[in-house]
Amino acid sequence: MTVSGGTIPYAVASGDAKVATATVDKSTITIKGVAKGTATITVTDKGKKNSGKITVTVKEEGLTFDKKNVGSGREQRSCRDGFGRYGTLCC
């Protein structure tokens, strides 16, 4: 996302880095979900004269795998999450 207003450089801070982290490059903010939960990202400008907050909710809905490693040969392994089958990996 992009931030505007205030004076560059901007700074970002997560209220809970175990849930989400944030980085800023000029006026582009990148937020990365780390674990399920809610975190508040605070954005401030130079001299902390202006600030804003973004609430981030991270949901655990990613893919998981039934095997950590896949051996050689022509085995098939299912890719699943908690809701159903998404496809297969062929080795």
N, C-alpha and C. Protein backbone atom coordinates (compact mmCIF):
# COMPACT_ATOMS: atom_id res chain seq x y z
N MET A 1 0.83 -1.16 0.00
CA MET A 1 0.00 0.00 0.00
C MET A 1 0.88 1.23 0.00
N THR A 2 0.29 2.35 -0.35
CA THR A 2 1.05 3.59 -0.45
C THR A 2 0.55 4.59 0.58
N VAL A 3 1.47 5.28 1.21
CA VAL A 3 1.13 6.32 2.19
C VAL A 3 1.48 7.68 1.58
N SER A 4 0.68 8.68 1.90
CA SER A 4 0.97 10.03 1.42
C SER A 4 0.64 11.03 2.52
N GLY A 5 1.11 12.23 2.36
CA GLY A 5 0.93 13.26 3.36
C GLY A 5 2.11 13.25 4.31
N GLY A 6 2.22 14.28 5.11
CA GLY A 6 3.34 14.34 6.04
C GLY A 6 4.65 14.53 5.29
N THR A 7 5.75 14.20 5.98
CA THR A 7 7.08 14.40 5.43
C THR A 7 7.84 13.09 5.43
N ILE A 8 8.39 12.74 4.26
CA ILE A 8 9.22 11.54 4.13
C ILE A 8 10.52 11.79 4.89
N PRO A 9 11.15 10.85 5.57
CA PRO A 9 10.88 9.42 5.52
C PRO A 9 9.79 9.00 6.51
N TYR A 10 9.09 7.93 6.13
CA TYR A 10 8.08 7.34 7.00
C TYR A 10 8.72 6.21 7.79
N ALA A 11 8.12 5.91 8.94
CA ALA A 11 8.54 4.77 9.76
C ALA A 11 7.30 3.94 10.05
N VAL A 12 7.48 2.62 10.17
CA VAL A 12 6.37 1.73 10.49
C VAL A 12 6.75 0.89 11.70
N ALA A 13 5.74 0.54 12.50
CA ALA A 13 5.95 -0.33 13.66
C ALA A 13 4.72 -1.19 13.85
N SER A 14 4.95 -2.46 14.14
CA SER A 14 3.85 -3.37 14.41
C SER A 14 3.60 -3.43 15.91
N GLY A 15 2.33 -3.41 16.28
CA GLY A 15 1.97 -3.56 17.68
C GLY A 15 2.16 -4.99 18.17
N ASP A 16 2.25 -5.95 17.24
CA ASP A 16 2.48 -7.36 17.58
C ASP A 16 3.21 -8.03 16.43
N ALA A 17 4.55 -8.01 16.49
CA ALA A 17 5.37 -8.56 15.41
C ALA A 17 5.23 -10.08 15.30
N LYS A 18 4.63 -10.74 16.29
CA LYS A 18 4.39 -12.18 16.20
C LYS A 18 3.21 -12.47 15.27
N VAL A 19 2.39 -11.46 14.99
CA VAL A 19 1.24 -11.60 14.10
C VAL A 19 1.52 -11.01 12.73
N ALA A 20 2.08 -9.81 12.67
CA ALA A 20 2.36 -9.15 11.39
C ALA A 20 3.56 -8.23 11.53
N THR A 21 4.35 -8.15 10.46
CA THR A 21 5.47 -7.22 10.42
C THR A 21 5.24 -6.25 9.28
N ALA A 22 5.92 -5.12 9.33
CA ALA A 22 5.77 -4.12 8.28
C ALA A 22 7.12 -3.50 7.96
N THR A 23 7.31 -3.18 6.68
CA THR A 23 8.49 -2.44 6.24
C THR A 23 8.01 -1.30 5.36
N VAL A 24 8.86 -0.30 5.21
CA VAL A 24 8.51 0.83 4.35
C VAL A 24 9.71 1.16 3.47
N ASP A 25 9.43 1.44 2.20
CA ASP A 25 10.43 1.88 1.23
C ASP A 25 9.87 3.12 0.56
N LYS A 26 10.41 4.26 0.92
CA LYS A 26 9.89 5.56 0.48
C LYS A 26 8.45 5.69 0.94
N SER A 27 7.47 5.55 0.06
CA SER A 27 6.06 5.67 0.48
C SER A 27 5.29 4.37 0.30
N THR A 28 6.00 3.27 0.06
CA THR A 28 5.35 1.97 -0.11
C THR A 28 5.51 1.14 1.16
N ILE A 29 4.38 0.73 1.74
CA ILE A 29 4.38 -0.08 2.95
C ILE A 29 4.07 -1.52 2.56
N THR A 30 4.88 -2.44 3.06
CA THR A 30 4.66 -3.87 2.85
C THR A 30 4.38 -4.51 4.20
N ILE A 31 3.24 -5.20 4.29
CA ILE A 31 2.86 -5.87 5.53
C ILE A 31 2.88 -7.37 5.28
N LYS A 32 3.51 -8.11 6.19
CA LYS A 32 3.62 -9.56 6.06
C LYS A 32 2.94 -10.22 7.26
N GLY A 33 1.98 -11.10 6.98
CA GLY A 33 1.34 -11.87 8.03
C GLY A 33 2.28 -12.96 8.51
N VAL A 34 2.41 -13.11 9.82
CA VAL A 34 3.32 -14.09 10.41
C VAL A 34 2.54 -15.23 11.05
N ALA A 35 1.48 -14.91 11.77
CA ALA A 35 0.67 -15.91 12.46
C ALA A 35 -0.75 -15.38 12.62
N LYS A 36 -1.67 -16.28 12.89
CA LYS A 36 -3.07 -15.92 13.06
C LYS A 36 -3.23 -14.92 14.21
N GLY A 37 -4.03 -13.89 13.95
CA GLY A 37 -4.29 -12.88 14.98
C GLY A 37 -4.52 -11.52 14.39
N THR A 38 -4.53 -10.52 15.25
CA THR A 38 -4.75 -9.13 14.83
C THR A 38 -3.61 -8.27 15.36
N ALA A 39 -3.12 -7.37 14.52
CA ALA A 39 -2.05 -6.44 14.91
C ALA A 39 -2.37 -5.06 14.35
N THR A 40 -1.88 -4.05 15.02
CA THR A 40 -2.02 -2.68 14.54
C THR A 40 -0.66 -2.20 14.06
N ILE A 41 -0.63 -1.72 12.82
CA ILE A 41 0.58 -1.15 12.24
C ILE A 41 0.47 0.36 12.35
N THR A 42 1.47 0.98 12.96
CA THR A 42 1.48 2.43 13.10
C THR A 42 2.49 3.01 12.13
N VAL A 43 2.07 4.03 11.39
CA VAL A 43 2.92 4.71 10.42
C VAL A 43 3.11 6.14 10.88
N THR A 44 4.37 6.58 10.96
CA THR A 44 4.65 7.97 11.33
C THR A 44 5.57 8.60 10.30
N ASP A 45 5.47 9.91 10.18
CA ASP A 45 6.35 10.60 9.25
C ASP A 45 7.57 11.16 10.00
N LYS A 46 8.41 11.87 9.27
CA LYS A 46 9.63 12.44 9.83
C LYS A 46 9.28 13.32 11.03
N GLY A 47 9.99 13.13 12.09
CA GLY A 47 9.74 13.93 13.29
C GLY A 47 8.48 13.54 14.04
N LYS A 48 7.82 12.49 13.61
CA LYS A 48 6.59 11.99 14.24
C LYS A 48 5.53 13.08 14.38
N LYS A 49 5.46 13.94 13.37
CA LYS A 49 4.46 15.01 13.38
C LYS A 49 3.09 14.51 12.95
N ASN A 50 3.06 13.51 12.06
CA ASN A 50 1.81 12.93 11.58
C ASN A 50 1.89 11.41 11.72
N SER A 51 0.75 10.79 11.99
CA SER A 51 0.74 9.33 12.10
C SER A 51 -0.61 8.78 11.68
N GLY A 52 -0.62 7.49 11.41
CA GLY A 52 -1.84 6.79 11.07
C GLY A 52 -1.71 5.35 11.49
N LYS A 53 -2.83 4.66 11.62
CA LYS A 53 -2.82 3.26 12.04
C LYS A 53 -3.60 2.41 11.06
N ILE A 54 -3.12 1.17 10.90
CA ILE A 54 -3.76 0.19 10.03
C ILE A 54 -3.95 -1.07 10.87
N THR A 55 -5.17 -1.57 10.94
CA THR A 55 -5.42 -2.82 11.65
C THR A 55 -5.35 -3.97 10.66
N VAL A 56 -4.56 -4.98 11.00
CA VAL A 56 -4.34 -6.13 10.13
C VAL A 56 -4.86 -7.38 10.84
N THR A 57 -5.67 -8.18 10.13
CA THR A 57 -6.13 -9.46 10.65
C THR A 57 -5.55 -10.56 9.78
N VAL A 58 -4.80 -11.47 10.40
CA VAL A 58 -4.17 -12.58 9.68
C VAL A 58 -4.97 -13.83 10.00
N LYS A 59 -5.41 -14.52 8.95
CA LYS A 59 -6.18 -15.75 9.10
C LYS A 59 -5.32 -16.93 8.68
N GLU A 60 -5.48 -18.04 9.36
CA GLU A 60 -4.74 -19.26 9.00
C GLU A 60 -5.56 -20.05 7.99
N GLU A 61 -5.34 -19.78 6.72
CA GLU A 61 -6.04 -20.50 5.67
C GLU A 61 -5.09 -20.93 4.57
N GLY A 62 -3.82 -21.01 4.90
CA GLY A 62 -2.83 -21.38 3.89
C GLY A 62 -2.81 -22.87 3.63
N LEU A 63 -2.02 -23.26 2.69
CA LEU A 63 -1.86 -24.67 2.34
C LEU A 63 -0.93 -25.35 3.33
N THR A 64 -1.21 -26.58 3.62
CA THR A 64 -0.29 -27.43 4.38
C THR A 64 -0.06 -28.69 3.57
N PHE A 65 0.98 -29.43 3.89
CA PHE A 65 1.32 -30.63 3.14
C PHE A 65 1.36 -31.83 4.06
N ASP A 66 0.95 -32.99 3.53
CA ASP A 66 0.92 -34.20 4.35
C ASP A 66 2.31 -34.80 4.53
N LYS A 67 3.32 -34.35 3.79
CA LYS A 67 4.70 -34.81 3.91
C LYS A 67 5.62 -33.60 3.92
N LYS A 68 6.66 -33.63 4.73
CA LYS A 68 7.62 -32.54 4.75
C LYS A 68 8.63 -32.67 3.62
N ASN A 69 8.96 -33.91 3.25
CA ASN A 69 9.91 -34.18 2.18
C ASN A 69 9.29 -35.16 1.20
N VAL A 70 9.67 -35.03 -0.04
CA VAL A 70 9.18 -35.94 -1.07
C VAL A 70 10.39 -36.68 -1.62
N GLY A 71 10.33 -38.02 -1.60
CA GLY A 71 11.44 -38.84 -2.09
C GLY A 71 11.49 -38.89 -3.60
N SER A 72 12.53 -39.52 -4.12
CA SER A 72 12.63 -39.68 -5.56
C SER A 72 11.72 -40.81 -6.02
N GLY A 73 11.52 -40.92 -7.29
CA GLY A 73 10.62 -41.92 -7.83
C GLY A 73 9.37 -41.26 -8.37
N ARG A 74 8.30 -42.02 -8.48
CA ARG A 74 7.07 -41.48 -9.04
C ARG A 74 5.94 -41.51 -8.01
N GLU A 75 6.23 -41.04 -6.83
CA GLU A 75 5.23 -41.01 -5.77
C GLU A 75 4.33 -39.79 -5.94
N GLN A 76 3.13 -39.87 -5.44
CA GLN A 76 2.24 -38.72 -5.42
C GLN A 76 1.97 -38.33 -3.98
N ARG A 77 1.93 -37.05 -3.72
CA ARG A 77 1.63 -36.54 -2.39
C ARG A 77 0.49 -35.54 -2.52
N SER A 78 -0.47 -35.62 -1.64
CA SER A 78 -1.61 -34.71 -1.69
C SER A 78 -1.28 -33.39 -1.01
N CYS A 79 -1.76 -32.31 -1.60
CA CYS A 79 -1.66 -30.98 -0.99
C CYS A 79 -3.02 -30.68 -0.38
N ARG A 80 -3.05 -30.35 0.88
CA ARG A 80 -4.33 -30.12 1.54
C ARG A 80 -4.25 -28.93 2.49
N ASP A 81 -5.39 -28.35 2.76
CA ASP A 81 -5.52 -27.47 3.90
C ASP A 81 -6.68 -28.01 4.70
N GLY A 82 -7.19 -27.27 5.64
CA GLY A 82 -8.26 -27.77 6.46
C GLY A 82 -9.59 -27.91 5.75
N PHE A 83 -9.69 -27.47 4.52
CA PHE A 83 -10.97 -27.44 3.83
C PHE A 83 -11.09 -28.41 2.66
N GLY A 84 -10.00 -29.03 2.25
CA GLY A 84 -10.13 -29.98 1.14
C GLY A 84 -8.89 -30.07 0.30
N ARG A 85 -8.94 -30.91 -0.69
CA ARG A 85 -7.82 -31.22 -1.56
C ARG A 85 -7.66 -30.11 -2.62
N TYR A 86 -6.42 -29.71 -2.88
CA TYR A 86 -6.14 -28.70 -3.88
C TYR A 86 -5.43 -29.24 -5.10
N GLY A 87 -4.80 -30.39 -4.99
CA GLY A 87 -4.08 -30.93 -6.13
C GLY A 87 -3.06 -31.93 -5.68
N THR A 88 -2.23 -32.39 -6.59
CA THR A 88 -1.19 -33.35 -6.23
C THR A 88 0.14 -32.90 -6.76
N LEU A 89 1.19 -33.34 -6.10
CA LEU A 89 2.55 -33.10 -6.54
C LEU A 89 3.10 -34.43 -7.04
N CYS A 90 3.64 -34.47 -8.22
CA CYS A 90 4.20 -35.70 -8.75
C CYS A 90 5.73 -35.56 -8.76
N CYS A 91 6.36 -36.58 -8.26
CA CYS A 91 7.82 -36.53 -8.19
C CYS A 91 8.44 -37.52 -9.13
